[in-house]
Amino acid sequence: MNQINYAQVKVGDQLPPLAIDISAKLITATAIASRDYQNVHHDQDAARALGSPNIFMNILTTNGFVGRYVTDWTGALGVLKKVAIKLGAPNYPGDTMEMTGEVVAKNDQDQSIELKVIGKNAVGHHVIGDVVVALP
C-alpha cells in the first residue's frame, strides 16, 4: 500500500477513481452493521410503499465509503479530521457508485489537506463531501 506524505500533495491533485458495485446484500448488510434497522434499507415492499422504487443505501454506509476512499488513497498514516457529506441521488441495488476526489487546499500549520469527494451513480450525485485529512 502506498503512503502519501504531505509534501507530495498539491492543490488540484486528483484521487484515483473507485467504483463500488451496489447490491441489495451490500445495502442490507451495511445498514444492519451500522444498527440502522429502517425498513427502507432491507424491505423492498416497505421502500416501495414510501415511494422509492427499491431499497437504498443509508447515510452511515455512504459516510463510511467516503472515509474509506480517502484513507485508501492516503495510506495507513492518514488521519481523518473531518468528514462532512451531503446526500443526493439514492444508491439502489444494481447500480455502481464511482468515487472521485480532488485536493482543494493545504494547511501547512497542521499538515492537513482538504478534499472535495463526489460519489456518482446512474441517477446523479449520490454524495458530495468535504474531507480534511492530516498527513505525515
N, C-alpha and C. Protein backbone atom coordinates (compact mmCIF):
# COMPACT_ATOMS: atom_id res chain seq x y z
N MET A 1 0.84 -1.18 0.00
CA MET A 1 0.00 0.00 0.00
C MET A 1 0.88 1.24 0.00
N ASN A 2 0.49 2.20 -0.79
CA ASN A 2 1.21 3.47 -0.83
C ASN A 2 0.92 4.29 0.40
N GLN A 3 1.88 5.11 0.75
CA GLN A 3 1.69 6.08 1.83
C GLN A 3 1.98 7.45 1.26
N ILE A 4 0.98 8.30 1.23
CA ILE A 4 1.13 9.67 0.74
C ILE A 4 1.66 10.51 1.89
N ASN A 5 2.61 11.40 1.61
CA ASN A 5 3.01 12.34 2.65
C ASN A 5 2.63 13.75 2.21
N TYR A 6 2.58 14.64 3.17
CA TYR A 6 2.09 16.00 2.95
C TYR A 6 2.83 16.71 1.83
N ALA A 7 4.15 16.55 1.79
CA ALA A 7 4.97 17.25 0.80
C ALA A 7 4.65 16.82 -0.63
N GLN A 8 4.17 15.60 -0.82
CA GLN A 8 3.86 15.09 -2.16
C GLN A 8 2.59 15.68 -2.75
N VAL A 9 1.70 16.15 -1.91
CA VAL A 9 0.36 16.55 -2.35
C VAL A 9 0.34 17.99 -2.83
N LYS A 10 -0.36 18.20 -3.94
CA LYS A 10 -0.51 19.56 -4.49
C LYS A 10 -2.00 19.86 -4.69
N VAL A 11 -2.37 21.12 -4.48
CA VAL A 11 -3.74 21.53 -4.77
C VAL A 11 -4.03 21.22 -6.23
N GLY A 12 -5.16 20.63 -6.49
CA GLY A 12 -5.54 20.23 -7.83
C GLY A 12 -5.29 18.76 -8.13
N ASP A 13 -4.50 18.08 -7.28
CA ASP A 13 -4.28 16.65 -7.48
C ASP A 13 -5.62 15.92 -7.46
N GLN A 14 -5.74 14.94 -8.36
CA GLN A 14 -6.95 14.11 -8.43
C GLN A 14 -6.68 12.77 -7.76
N LEU A 15 -7.62 12.31 -6.96
CA LEU A 15 -7.54 10.98 -6.40
C LEU A 15 -7.96 9.98 -7.47
N PRO A 16 -7.40 8.78 -7.45
CA PRO A 16 -7.83 7.79 -8.44
C PRO A 16 -9.29 7.41 -8.19
N PRO A 17 -10.06 7.18 -9.26
CA PRO A 17 -11.46 6.81 -9.08
C PRO A 17 -11.59 5.44 -8.42
N LEU A 18 -12.70 5.25 -7.74
CA LEU A 18 -13.02 3.97 -7.11
C LEU A 18 -14.46 3.63 -7.45
N ALA A 19 -14.68 2.49 -8.10
CA ALA A 19 -16.02 2.03 -8.44
C ALA A 19 -16.50 1.04 -7.38
N ILE A 20 -17.69 1.28 -6.87
CA ILE A 20 -18.29 0.41 -5.85
C ILE A 20 -19.59 -0.13 -6.41
N ASP A 21 -19.66 -1.45 -6.59
CA ASP A 21 -20.89 -2.08 -7.06
C ASP A 21 -21.90 -2.10 -5.92
N ILE A 22 -23.10 -1.62 -6.19
CA ILE A 22 -24.14 -1.54 -5.18
C ILE A 22 -25.08 -2.73 -5.36
N SER A 23 -25.17 -3.55 -4.34
CA SER A 23 -26.08 -4.71 -4.37
C SER A 23 -27.05 -4.62 -3.20
N ALA A 24 -28.13 -5.37 -3.29
CA ALA A 24 -29.09 -5.43 -2.18
C ALA A 24 -28.39 -5.98 -0.93
N LYS A 25 -27.52 -6.94 -1.12
CA LYS A 25 -26.79 -7.53 0.00
C LYS A 25 -25.90 -6.49 0.69
N LEU A 26 -25.20 -5.68 -0.10
CA LEU A 26 -24.35 -4.63 0.46
C LEU A 26 -25.20 -3.61 1.24
N ILE A 27 -26.29 -3.17 0.64
CA ILE A 27 -27.16 -2.18 1.29
C ILE A 27 -27.70 -2.71 2.61
N THR A 28 -28.22 -3.94 2.58
CA THR A 28 -28.81 -4.54 3.77
C THR A 28 -27.76 -4.81 4.85
N ALA A 29 -26.66 -5.42 4.47
CA ALA A 29 -25.62 -5.79 5.45
C ALA A 29 -25.01 -4.56 6.12
N THR A 30 -24.75 -3.51 5.34
CA THR A 30 -24.13 -2.32 5.93
C THR A 30 -25.12 -1.54 6.79
N ALA A 31 -26.39 -1.56 6.43
CA ALA A 31 -27.40 -0.92 7.29
C ALA A 31 -27.48 -1.64 8.63
N ILE A 32 -27.53 -2.95 8.58
CA ILE A 32 -27.60 -3.73 9.82
C ILE A 32 -26.32 -3.56 10.64
N ALA A 33 -25.17 -3.57 9.97
CA ALA A 33 -23.89 -3.41 10.67
C ALA A 33 -23.81 -2.06 11.38
N SER A 34 -24.47 -1.05 10.82
CA SER A 34 -24.45 0.28 11.45
C SER A 34 -25.67 0.50 12.35
N ARG A 35 -26.37 -0.59 12.62
CA ARG A 35 -27.55 -0.58 13.51
C ARG A 35 -28.67 0.33 13.03
N ASP A 36 -28.77 0.43 11.72
CA ASP A 36 -29.86 1.19 11.11
C ASP A 36 -30.88 0.18 10.61
N TYR A 37 -31.94 0.00 11.37
CA TYR A 37 -32.94 -1.01 11.05
C TYR A 37 -34.14 -0.44 10.31
N GLN A 38 -34.02 0.77 9.76
CA GLN A 38 -35.11 1.34 8.98
C GLN A 38 -35.45 0.38 7.85
N ASN A 39 -36.72 0.09 7.69
CA ASN A 39 -37.12 -0.92 6.70
C ASN A 39 -36.80 -0.53 5.25
N VAL A 40 -36.61 0.73 4.96
CA VAL A 40 -36.29 1.14 3.58
C VAL A 40 -34.91 0.67 3.14
N HIS A 41 -34.11 0.15 4.06
CA HIS A 41 -32.78 -0.34 3.73
C HIS A 41 -32.71 -1.86 3.60
N HIS A 42 -33.85 -2.55 3.85
CA HIS A 42 -33.83 -4.01 3.73
C HIS A 42 -35.15 -4.62 3.25
N ASP A 43 -36.22 -3.85 3.19
CA ASP A 43 -37.53 -4.38 2.83
C ASP A 43 -38.04 -3.64 1.59
N GLN A 44 -37.95 -4.33 0.45
CA GLN A 44 -38.32 -3.71 -0.82
C GLN A 44 -39.78 -3.24 -0.83
N ASP A 45 -40.69 -4.03 -0.29
CA ASP A 45 -42.10 -3.63 -0.27
C ASP A 45 -42.32 -2.38 0.57
N ALA A 46 -41.65 -2.30 1.71
CA ALA A 46 -41.77 -1.11 2.56
C ALA A 46 -41.19 0.12 1.87
N ALA A 47 -40.06 -0.05 1.19
CA ALA A 47 -39.46 1.07 0.46
C ALA A 47 -40.41 1.56 -0.64
N ARG A 48 -41.01 0.63 -1.35
CA ARG A 48 -41.95 0.99 -2.42
C ARG A 48 -43.19 1.68 -1.85
N ALA A 49 -43.68 1.22 -0.71
CA ALA A 49 -44.85 1.84 -0.09
C ALA A 49 -44.59 3.29 0.28
N LEU A 50 -43.32 3.62 0.50
CA LEU A 50 -42.95 5.00 0.83
C LEU A 50 -42.53 5.81 -0.40
N GLY A 51 -42.68 5.22 -1.60
CA GLY A 51 -42.41 5.96 -2.82
C GLY A 51 -41.07 5.71 -3.48
N SER A 52 -40.26 4.84 -2.91
CA SER A 52 -38.95 4.52 -3.51
C SER A 52 -39.10 3.31 -4.41
N PRO A 53 -38.40 3.26 -5.54
CA PRO A 53 -38.52 2.09 -6.41
C PRO A 53 -37.85 0.84 -5.85
N ASN A 54 -37.01 1.00 -4.82
CA ASN A 54 -36.28 -0.14 -4.26
C ASN A 54 -35.68 0.29 -2.93
N ILE A 55 -35.05 -0.66 -2.24
CA ILE A 55 -34.30 -0.30 -1.04
C ILE A 55 -33.15 0.61 -1.46
N PHE A 56 -32.58 1.34 -0.50
CA PHE A 56 -31.49 2.25 -0.83
C PHE A 56 -30.50 2.34 0.32
N MET A 57 -29.29 2.75 -0.01
CA MET A 57 -28.18 2.81 0.94
C MET A 57 -28.43 3.87 2.01
N ASN A 58 -27.99 3.57 3.23
CA ASN A 58 -28.15 4.54 4.32
C ASN A 58 -26.96 5.50 4.39
N ILE A 59 -27.15 6.59 5.09
CA ILE A 59 -26.13 7.65 5.17
C ILE A 59 -24.87 7.18 5.90
N LEU A 60 -25.01 6.30 6.89
CA LEU A 60 -23.83 5.83 7.61
C LEU A 60 -22.90 5.03 6.69
N THR A 61 -23.48 4.24 5.81
CA THR A 61 -22.67 3.49 4.86
C THR A 61 -21.97 4.43 3.89
N THR A 62 -22.71 5.41 3.40
CA THR A 62 -22.11 6.40 2.50
C THR A 62 -20.95 7.11 3.17
N ASN A 63 -21.15 7.53 4.42
CA ASN A 63 -20.09 8.20 5.16
C ASN A 63 -18.86 7.29 5.29
N GLY A 64 -19.10 6.02 5.56
CA GLY A 64 -18.00 5.06 5.65
C GLY A 64 -17.25 4.89 4.34
N PHE A 65 -17.98 4.86 3.24
CA PHE A 65 -17.32 4.75 1.93
C PHE A 65 -16.49 5.99 1.61
N VAL A 66 -16.96 7.16 1.99
CA VAL A 66 -16.18 8.38 1.78
C VAL A 66 -14.87 8.30 2.57
N GLY A 67 -14.95 7.91 3.83
CA GLY A 67 -13.74 7.76 4.65
C GLY A 67 -12.80 6.72 4.09
N ARG A 68 -13.34 5.58 3.68
CA ARG A 68 -12.52 4.51 3.11
C ARG A 68 -11.82 4.99 1.85
N TYR A 69 -12.54 5.70 1.00
CA TYR A 69 -11.97 6.20 -0.26
C TYR A 69 -10.75 7.07 0.02
N VAL A 70 -10.87 7.96 0.97
CA VAL A 70 -9.77 8.87 1.29
C VAL A 70 -8.61 8.13 1.93
N THR A 71 -8.87 7.28 2.91
CA THR A 71 -7.76 6.60 3.59
C THR A 71 -7.12 5.52 2.72
N ASP A 72 -7.86 4.96 1.77
CA ASP A 72 -7.21 4.07 0.80
C ASP A 72 -6.18 4.84 -0.02
N TRP A 73 -6.47 6.09 -0.31
CA TRP A 73 -5.55 6.94 -1.07
C TRP A 73 -4.37 7.38 -0.21
N THR A 74 -4.61 7.82 1.03
CA THR A 74 -3.53 8.36 1.86
C THR A 74 -2.60 7.29 2.37
N GLY A 75 -3.12 6.10 2.61
CA GLY A 75 -2.35 5.07 3.29
C GLY A 75 -2.68 5.08 4.77
N ALA A 76 -2.09 4.15 5.49
CA ALA A 76 -2.45 3.90 6.89
C ALA A 76 -2.17 5.07 7.82
N LEU A 77 -1.27 5.97 7.47
CA LEU A 77 -0.93 7.06 8.39
C LEU A 77 -1.77 8.32 8.18
N GLY A 78 -2.66 8.32 7.19
CA GLY A 78 -3.58 9.43 7.02
C GLY A 78 -4.64 9.40 8.12
N VAL A 79 -4.91 10.55 8.73
CA VAL A 79 -5.87 10.62 9.83
C VAL A 79 -7.02 11.54 9.42
N LEU A 80 -8.22 10.97 9.36
CA LEU A 80 -9.40 11.78 9.04
C LEU A 80 -9.67 12.76 10.18
N LYS A 81 -9.77 14.03 9.84
CA LYS A 81 -10.07 15.08 10.83
C LYS A 81 -11.50 15.57 10.70
N LYS A 82 -12.05 15.50 9.49
CA LYS A 82 -13.41 15.98 9.25
C LYS A 82 -13.97 15.27 8.02
N VAL A 83 -15.21 14.82 8.14
CA VAL A 83 -15.94 14.28 7.00
C VAL A 83 -17.33 14.90 7.07
N ALA A 84 -17.65 15.75 6.13
CA ALA A 84 -18.96 16.41 6.06
C ALA A 84 -19.56 16.09 4.70
N ILE A 85 -20.69 15.37 4.70
CA ILE A 85 -21.28 14.93 3.44
C ILE A 85 -22.70 15.45 3.28
N LYS A 86 -23.09 15.56 2.00
CA LYS A 86 -24.47 15.88 1.62
C LYS A 86 -24.93 14.78 0.67
N LEU A 87 -26.09 14.21 0.97
CA LEU A 87 -26.64 13.16 0.12
C LEU A 87 -27.48 13.76 -1.00
N GLY A 88 -27.47 13.06 -2.12
CA GLY A 88 -28.29 13.45 -3.27
C GLY A 88 -29.08 12.26 -3.74
N ALA A 89 -28.78 11.78 -4.93
CA ALA A 89 -29.50 10.66 -5.54
C ALA A 89 -29.24 9.38 -4.75
N PRO A 90 -30.27 8.58 -4.51
CA PRO A 90 -30.08 7.33 -3.77
C PRO A 90 -29.20 6.33 -4.52
N ASN A 91 -28.53 5.47 -3.75
CA ASN A 91 -27.82 4.32 -4.31
C ASN A 91 -28.76 3.13 -4.23
N TYR A 92 -29.17 2.61 -5.39
CA TYR A 92 -30.07 1.47 -5.46
C TYR A 92 -29.30 0.21 -5.88
N PRO A 93 -29.84 -0.97 -5.54
CA PRO A 93 -29.21 -2.22 -6.00
C PRO A 93 -29.07 -2.25 -7.51
N GLY A 94 -27.96 -2.80 -7.97
CA GLY A 94 -27.70 -2.92 -9.40
C GLY A 94 -26.94 -1.76 -9.99
N ASP A 95 -26.72 -0.72 -9.20
CA ASP A 95 -26.00 0.46 -9.68
C ASP A 95 -24.53 0.35 -9.29
N THR A 96 -23.73 1.26 -9.81
CA THR A 96 -22.33 1.41 -9.43
C THR A 96 -22.12 2.85 -9.01
N MET A 97 -21.49 3.04 -7.87
CA MET A 97 -21.13 4.39 -7.44
C MET A 97 -19.65 4.59 -7.74
N GLU A 98 -19.35 5.64 -8.47
CA GLU A 98 -17.95 5.95 -8.76
C GLU A 98 -17.53 7.13 -7.89
N MET A 99 -16.53 6.88 -7.06
CA MET A 99 -15.98 7.90 -6.18
C MET A 99 -14.82 8.60 -6.89
N THR A 100 -14.82 9.93 -6.82
CA THR A 100 -13.71 10.73 -7.32
C THR A 100 -13.40 11.79 -6.27
N GLY A 101 -12.20 12.33 -6.33
CA GLY A 101 -11.83 13.35 -5.37
C GLY A 101 -10.74 14.26 -5.89
N GLU A 102 -10.66 15.43 -5.27
CA GLU A 102 -9.67 16.43 -5.66
C GLU A 102 -9.16 17.15 -4.42
N VAL A 103 -7.86 17.42 -4.40
CA VAL A 103 -7.27 18.23 -3.34
C VAL A 103 -7.62 19.69 -3.62
N VAL A 104 -8.29 20.34 -2.65
CA VAL A 104 -8.71 21.73 -2.87
C VAL A 104 -7.93 22.73 -2.02
N ALA A 105 -7.25 22.26 -0.97
CA ALA A 105 -6.46 23.18 -0.14
C ALA A 105 -5.46 22.38 0.69
N LYS A 106 -4.41 23.09 1.12
CA LYS A 106 -3.41 22.53 2.04
C LYS A 106 -3.24 23.48 3.20
N ASN A 107 -3.00 22.94 4.38
CA ASN A 107 -2.78 23.74 5.58
C ASN A 107 -1.42 23.37 6.16
N ASP A 108 -0.42 24.22 5.92
CA ASP A 108 0.94 23.93 6.38
C ASP A 108 1.04 23.87 7.90
N GLN A 109 0.17 24.57 8.59
CA GLN A 109 0.25 24.63 10.05
C GLN A 109 0.08 23.26 10.70
N ASP A 110 -0.90 22.48 10.23
CA ASP A 110 -1.11 21.16 10.84
C ASP A 110 -0.93 20.01 9.84
N GLN A 111 -0.36 20.30 8.69
CA GLN A 111 -0.12 19.32 7.63
C GLN A 111 -1.39 18.55 7.27
N SER A 112 -2.46 19.30 7.10
CA SER A 112 -3.70 18.68 6.65
C SER A 112 -4.02 19.15 5.24
N ILE A 113 -4.82 18.35 4.58
CA ILE A 113 -5.29 18.72 3.25
C ILE A 113 -6.81 18.64 3.25
N GLU A 114 -7.40 19.48 2.42
CA GLU A 114 -8.84 19.47 2.24
C GLU A 114 -9.16 18.87 0.89
N LEU A 115 -10.14 17.99 0.88
CA LEU A 115 -10.55 17.30 -0.34
C LEU A 115 -12.02 17.55 -0.62
N LYS A 116 -12.37 17.56 -1.89
CA LYS A 116 -13.76 17.51 -2.33
C LYS A 116 -13.94 16.11 -2.90
N VAL A 117 -14.90 15.37 -2.35
CA VAL A 117 -15.16 13.99 -2.78
C VAL A 117 -16.57 13.92 -3.34
N ILE A 118 -16.71 13.22 -4.47
CA ILE A 118 -18.01 13.04 -5.10
C ILE A 118 -18.21 11.56 -5.39
N GLY A 119 -19.40 11.08 -5.08
CA GLY A 119 -19.81 9.73 -5.46
C GLY A 119 -21.00 9.82 -6.39
N LYS A 120 -20.84 9.35 -7.64
CA LYS A 120 -21.90 9.43 -8.65
C LYS A 120 -22.41 8.03 -8.97
N ASN A 121 -23.70 7.98 -9.30
CA ASN A 121 -24.29 6.75 -9.82
C ASN A 121 -25.08 7.09 -11.09
N ALA A 122 -25.86 6.16 -11.60
CA ALA A 122 -26.60 6.39 -12.85
C ALA A 122 -27.64 7.50 -12.72
N VAL A 123 -28.12 7.76 -11.51
CA VAL A 123 -29.15 8.78 -11.30
C VAL A 123 -28.54 10.17 -11.18
N GLY A 124 -27.33 10.26 -10.60
CA GLY A 124 -26.67 11.55 -10.41
C GLY A 124 -25.67 11.48 -9.27
N HIS A 125 -25.45 12.60 -8.62
CA HIS A 125 -24.53 12.64 -7.49
C HIS A 125 -25.21 12.03 -6.26
N HIS A 126 -24.65 10.94 -5.78
CA HIS A 126 -25.15 10.32 -4.56
C HIS A 126 -24.64 11.08 -3.34
N VAL A 127 -23.37 11.46 -3.36
CA VAL A 127 -22.77 12.14 -2.22
C VAL A 127 -21.77 13.18 -2.70
N ILE A 128 -21.75 14.30 -2.00
CA ILE A 128 -20.72 15.32 -2.16
C ILE A 128 -20.17 15.56 -0.76
N GLY A 129 -18.86 15.45 -0.63
CA GLY A 129 -18.27 15.56 0.70
C GLY A 129 -17.07 16.48 0.74
N ASP A 130 -16.91 17.11 1.90
CA ASP A 130 -15.71 17.88 2.21
C ASP A 130 -14.98 17.09 3.29
N VAL A 131 -13.73 16.76 3.01
CA VAL A 131 -12.94 15.91 3.91
C VAL A 131 -11.64 16.62 4.23
N VAL A 132 -11.25 16.58 5.50
CA VAL A 132 -9.95 17.07 5.92
C VAL A 132 -9.18 15.87 6.47
N VAL A 133 -7.97 15.68 6.00
CA VAL A 133 -7.14 14.57 6.44
C VAL A 133 -5.73 15.08 6.74
N ALA A 134 -5.18 14.66 7.88
CA ALA A 134 -3.81 15.01 8.25
C ALA A 134 -2.87 13.94 7.70
N LEU A 135 -1.73 14.41 7.22
CA LEU A 135 -0.74 13.51 6.63
C LEU A 135 0.61 13.69 7.30
N PRO A 136 1.41 12.62 7.29
CA PRO A 136 2.78 12.75 7.83
C PRO A 136 3.66 13.59 6.93
